[in-house]
Protein backbone atom coordinates (compact mmCIF):
# COMPACT_ATOMS: atom_id res chain seq x y z
CA UNK A 1 114.46 46.98 155.86
CA UNK A 2 111.73 49.46 154.79
CA UNK A 3 108.17 48.18 155.11
CA UNK A 4 106.70 47.69 151.58
CA UNK A 5 103.39 48.99 152.91
CA UNK A 6 105.02 52.34 153.66
CA UNK A 7 105.31 52.99 149.93
CA UNK A 8 101.55 53.47 149.75
CA UNK A 9 101.56 56.02 152.56
CA UNK A 10 103.80 58.51 150.77
CA UNK A 11 102.80 61.08 148.19
CA UNK A 12 104.05 60.25 144.72
CA UNK A 13 105.88 63.21 143.13
CA UNK A 14 105.73 64.04 139.45
CA UNK A 15 108.31 65.45 137.04
CA UNK A 16 107.84 68.33 134.61
CA UNK A 17 110.41 68.37 131.80
CA UNK A 18 111.28 70.98 129.17
CA UNK A 19 114.10 71.10 126.65
CA UNK A 20 116.37 72.70 129.25
CA UNK A 21 115.19 71.64 132.70
CA UNK A 22 113.65 68.89 134.81
CA UNK A 23 111.51 69.87 137.81
CA UNK A 24 110.22 67.78 140.72
CA UNK A 25 106.79 68.63 142.16
CA UNK A 26 104.41 67.35 144.81
CA UNK A 27 101.76 69.76 143.53
CA UNK A 28 101.32 72.22 140.68
CA UNK A 29 101.93 75.11 143.06
CA UNK A 30 105.24 74.06 144.64
CA UNK A 31 108.66 73.31 143.18
CA UNK A 32 110.64 70.76 145.16
CA UNK A 33 113.74 70.71 142.97
CA UNK A 34 114.91 71.84 139.54
CA UNK A 35 117.78 70.54 137.42
CA UNK A 36 119.29 72.04 134.29
CA UNK A 37 119.64 69.31 131.68
CA UNK A 38 123.30 68.90 130.81
CA UNK A 39 124.45 70.54 134.07
CA UNK A 40 122.92 68.35 136.79
CA UNK A 41 125.01 69.78 139.66
CA UNK A 42 124.12 73.42 138.99
CA UNK A 43 122.21 75.00 141.88
CA UNK A 44 119.32 76.65 140.03
CA UNK A 45 117.20 77.60 143.07
CA UNK A 46 118.54 80.41 145.19
CA UNK A 47 117.66 78.86 148.53
CA UNK A 48 119.99 75.93 147.78
CA UNK A 49 122.86 78.37 147.19
CA UNK A 50 122.05 80.11 150.46
CA UNK A 51 122.17 76.76 152.28
CA UNK A 52 125.74 76.32 151.06
CA UNK A 53 126.61 79.24 153.34
CA UNK A 54 127.90 76.67 155.82
CA UNK A 55 131.14 76.83 153.80
CA UNK A 56 131.80 80.25 155.36
CA UNK A 57 131.93 78.53 158.74
CA UNK A 58 133.30 75.10 157.78
CA UNK A 59 135.10 75.26 154.42
CA UNK A 60 136.34 71.65 154.66
CA UNK A 61 133.58 69.51 156.23
CA UNK A 62 134.63 65.89 156.67
CA UNK A 63 131.03 64.66 156.98
CA UNK A 64 127.65 65.98 155.82
CA UNK A 65 124.17 64.64 156.58
CA UNK A 66 121.26 65.78 154.42
CA UNK A 67 117.61 65.42 155.36
CA UNK A 68 115.54 65.28 152.18
CA UNK A 69 116.77 64.16 148.77
CA UNK A 70 114.32 65.80 146.38
CA UNK A 71 116.03 66.08 143.01
CA UNK A 72 119.40 65.89 144.74
CA UNK A 73 120.57 69.45 144.00
CA UNK A 74 122.61 69.88 147.18
CA UNK A 75 123.77 66.27 147.14
CA UNK A 76 125.09 66.55 143.59
CA UNK A 77 126.81 69.88 144.20
CA UNK A 78 128.53 68.67 147.37
CA UNK A 79 129.49 65.35 145.80
CA UNK A 80 131.22 67.09 142.92
CA UNK A 81 132.81 70.06 144.63
CA UNK A 82 133.57 68.69 148.12
CA UNK A 83 135.41 65.47 147.17
CA UNK A 84 136.84 64.96 150.65
CA UNK A 85 133.42 64.98 152.35
CA UNK A 86 131.44 61.89 153.33
CA UNK A 87 127.78 62.51 152.43
CA UNK A 88 124.73 60.70 153.79
CA UNK A 89 121.24 61.57 152.58
CA UNK A 90 118.12 60.59 154.53
CA UNK A 91 114.90 60.40 152.52
CA UNK A 92 111.68 58.83 153.80
CA UNK A 93 109.73 58.78 150.53
CA UNK A 94 110.59 55.77 148.33
CA UNK A 95 108.93 57.42 145.33
CA UNK A 96 111.42 60.29 145.56
CA UNK A 97 114.35 57.86 145.79
CA UNK A 98 113.00 56.02 142.74
CA UNK A 99 113.62 59.18 140.68
CA UNK A 100 117.30 59.51 141.63
CA UNK A 101 118.55 58.24 138.25
CA UNK A 102 116.27 60.62 136.38
CA UNK A 103 117.81 63.50 138.33
CA UNK A 104 121.34 62.10 137.91
CA UNK A 105 121.95 61.64 141.63
CA UNK A 106 125.26 59.76 142.12
CA UNK A 107 125.26 56.06 142.82
CA UNK A 108 126.04 54.98 146.36
CA UNK A 109 129.77 54.53 146.89
CA UNK A 110 132.39 54.73 149.65
CA UNK A 111 131.60 58.37 150.47
CA UNK A 112 127.99 58.82 149.32
CA UNK A 113 124.89 56.97 150.47
CA UNK A 114 121.13 57.54 150.29
CA UNK A 115 119.19 56.03 153.21
CA UNK A 116 115.47 55.30 152.95
CA UNK A 117 114.62 56.24 156.52
CA UNK A 118 112.64 58.53 158.80
CA UNK A 119 114.98 61.44 159.57
CA UNK A 120 113.53 61.89 163.07
CA UNK A 121 114.50 58.29 163.85
CA UNK A 122 117.85 58.68 162.11
CA UNK A 123 119.00 61.65 164.19
CA UNK A 124 117.87 59.89 167.36
CA UNK A 125 119.74 56.64 166.71
CA UNK A 126 122.72 57.48 164.44
CA UNK A 127 126.05 56.30 165.84
CA UNK A 128 128.37 58.84 164.18
CA UNK A 129 128.66 62.61 164.30
CA UNK A 130 128.62 65.14 161.46
CA UNK A 131 130.28 68.46 160.77
CA UNK A 132 127.28 69.75 158.83
CA UNK A 133 123.60 68.81 158.72
CA UNK A 134 121.31 70.18 156.00
CA UNK A 135 117.57 69.90 156.67
CA UNK A 136 115.38 70.43 153.61
CA UNK A 137 112.68 67.84 154.19
CA UNK A 138 109.20 68.74 152.94
CA UNK A 139 106.19 66.72 151.86
CA UNK A 140 102.96 67.69 150.13
CA UNK A 141 101.75 69.46 153.29
CA UNK A 142 104.97 71.37 153.96
CA UNK A 143 107.44 70.83 156.80
CA UNK A 144 106.51 67.65 158.72
CA UNK A 145 105.95 68.23 162.44
CA UNK A 146 108.51 65.57 163.36
CA UNK A 147 111.23 67.59 161.58
CA UNK A 148 110.32 70.81 163.37
CA UNK A 149 110.04 69.68 166.99
CA UNK A 150 112.25 70.68 169.90
CA UNK A 151 113.22 67.01 170.23
CA UNK A 152 114.37 66.86 166.60
CA UNK A 153 116.55 69.96 166.99
CA UNK A 154 117.94 68.69 170.31
CA UNK A 155 118.90 65.43 168.59
CA UNK A 156 120.54 67.34 165.73
CA UNK A 157 122.56 69.30 168.28
CA UNK A 158 123.75 66.05 169.86
CA UNK A 159 124.61 64.56 166.47
CA UNK A 160 126.90 67.41 165.44
CA UNK A 161 130.61 67.70 166.12
CA UNK A 162 131.51 70.45 168.63
CA UNK A 163 132.21 72.86 165.75
CA UNK A 164 129.19 71.63 163.76
CA UNK A 165 126.53 73.61 161.88
CA UNK A 166 122.87 72.78 161.29
CA UNK A 167 121.31 74.44 158.23
CA UNK A 168 117.50 74.44 157.97
CA UNK A 169 115.27 75.59 155.13
CA UNK A 170 112.01 77.20 156.31
CA UNK A 171 109.08 78.50 154.26
CA UNK A 172 109.12 82.15 155.31
CA UNK A 173 105.38 82.75 155.26
CA UNK A 174 104.17 79.55 156.89
CA UNK A 175 102.13 80.21 160.03
CA UNK A 176 104.34 77.97 162.20
CA UNK A 177 107.76 79.13 160.96
CA UNK A 178 108.37 81.59 163.79
CA UNK A 179 107.57 78.91 166.39
CA UNK A 180 109.88 76.39 164.70
CA UNK A 181 112.72 78.88 164.51
CA UNK A 182 112.30 79.68 168.19
CA UNK A 183 112.60 75.97 169.01
CA UNK A 184 115.76 75.79 166.94
CA UNK A 185 117.30 78.76 168.75
CA UNK A 186 116.52 77.24 172.13
CA UNK A 187 117.93 73.84 171.20
CA UNK A 188 121.31 75.30 170.22
CA UNK A 189 123.72 76.75 172.71
CA UNK A 190 125.70 78.61 170.08
CA UNK A 191 124.55 81.26 167.62
CA UNK A 192 121.91 81.40 164.92
CA UNK A 193 121.95 83.36 161.69
CA UNK A 194 119.11 83.71 159.20
CA UNK A 195 119.31 84.64 155.52
CA UNK A 196 116.26 85.21 153.33
CA UNK A 197 115.57 84.59 149.65
CA UNK A 198 115.83 88.02 148.02
CA UNK A 199 113.08 87.76 145.37
CA UNK A 200 109.80 86.30 146.62
CA UNK A 201 111.34 86.01 150.12
CA UNK A 202 109.68 82.60 150.23
CA UNK A 203 112.55 80.78 151.94
CA UNK A 204 114.43 81.62 155.11
CA UNK A 205 117.63 79.70 155.78
CA UNK A 206 118.73 79.29 159.38
CA UNK A 207 122.30 78.44 160.39
CA UNK A 208 122.51 77.11 163.96
CA UNK A 209 125.99 76.61 165.37
CA UNK A 210 127.21 74.68 168.39
CA UNK A 211 130.20 77.01 168.72
CA UNK A 212 129.19 80.34 170.25
CA UNK A 213 132.13 82.04 168.49
CA UNK A 214 131.08 80.87 165.02
CA UNK A 215 129.83 84.31 164.03
CA UNK A 216 133.30 85.79 164.27
CA UNK A 217 134.32 83.63 161.29
CA UNK A 218 132.06 85.70 159.04
CA UNK A 219 133.92 88.95 159.68
CA UNK A 220 136.22 90.37 157.04
CA UNK A 221 136.15 90.11 153.24
CA UNK A 222 134.31 87.30 151.49
CA UNK A 223 136.81 84.63 150.43
CA UNK A 224 136.47 81.52 148.33
CA UNK A 225 137.07 78.34 150.36
CA UNK A 226 140.52 77.00 149.36
CA UNK A 227 139.35 73.75 147.77
CA UNK A 228 136.40 75.18 145.82
CA UNK A 229 137.01 75.56 142.05
CA UNK A 230 136.19 78.86 140.32
CA UNK A 231 133.05 77.54 138.58
CA UNK A 232 131.56 76.51 141.92
CA UNK A 233 132.49 79.80 143.59
CA UNK A 234 130.92 81.74 140.72
CA UNK A 235 127.60 80.04 141.52
CA UNK A 236 127.77 80.65 145.26
CA UNK A 237 129.53 83.98 145.82
CA UNK A 238 126.56 86.41 145.46
CA UNK A 239 124.38 84.39 147.83
CA UNK A 240 127.16 83.64 150.30
CA UNK A 241 127.69 87.40 150.47
CA UNK A 242 124.07 87.67 151.61
CA UNK A 243 124.76 85.13 154.35
CA UNK A 244 127.88 86.98 155.46
CA UNK A 245 126.04 90.30 155.55
CA UNK A 246 122.97 88.98 157.39
CA UNK A 247 122.49 90.78 160.67
CA UNK A 248 120.21 88.46 162.62
CA UNK A 249 122.76 86.65 164.79
CA UNK A 250 121.21 85.29 167.95
CA UNK A 251 123.88 84.39 170.47
CA UNK A 252 123.63 82.32 173.61
CA UNK A 253 123.41 85.41 175.81
CA UNK A 254 120.23 86.61 174.05
CA UNK A 255 118.26 83.35 174.20
């Protein structure tokens, strides 16, 4: 049971709303999440579409864990378009969770659940494995140290199925990003691919794979995953092409 005192230790986000969109902020300078009113499961921010690149490696994930709820962009997209996937979201900030209805995040049900928990503790103690883990957990100061440690990445490795993929969103220009990405590479015995936001280049998405042969799945023409409907593929295809074309694979032999 979460400690009620913890609520006072977390930054309270605020929401900016226009006639067409609803945006979650921790500060005036940074956007945490953006939702188009009337189309809540549309992925408006490019980095979220890049993170969906795991579908090139695992088009039918049975289980997905997400670190960081925000406005629920990835959670809503996966809930709608991956109906066979079990989805668990780990969010430490109760003030963020309190906004889930405003951002039209689905109610908890048999295949979707939002946990109020510390993700570092969750990955250390969870009793089940996942096909995919998506890490997009930021606070008002950026990426928390506990979500960027070698121990955290080691625990993520252990929590994944043998064919599993960890997807991590990094702020490209942060002074510690290179160090964090090096820790991630060293924690994983498979390969790592990075894809970068193509406008401000503010986000770098890393795909770390337990399977050293995962990169071979990206060869050949870009294809829509069999279960994905055309409207979802139309959102993702241009950015998934960037993931497929990315050249920065780091295999076990090069670590």
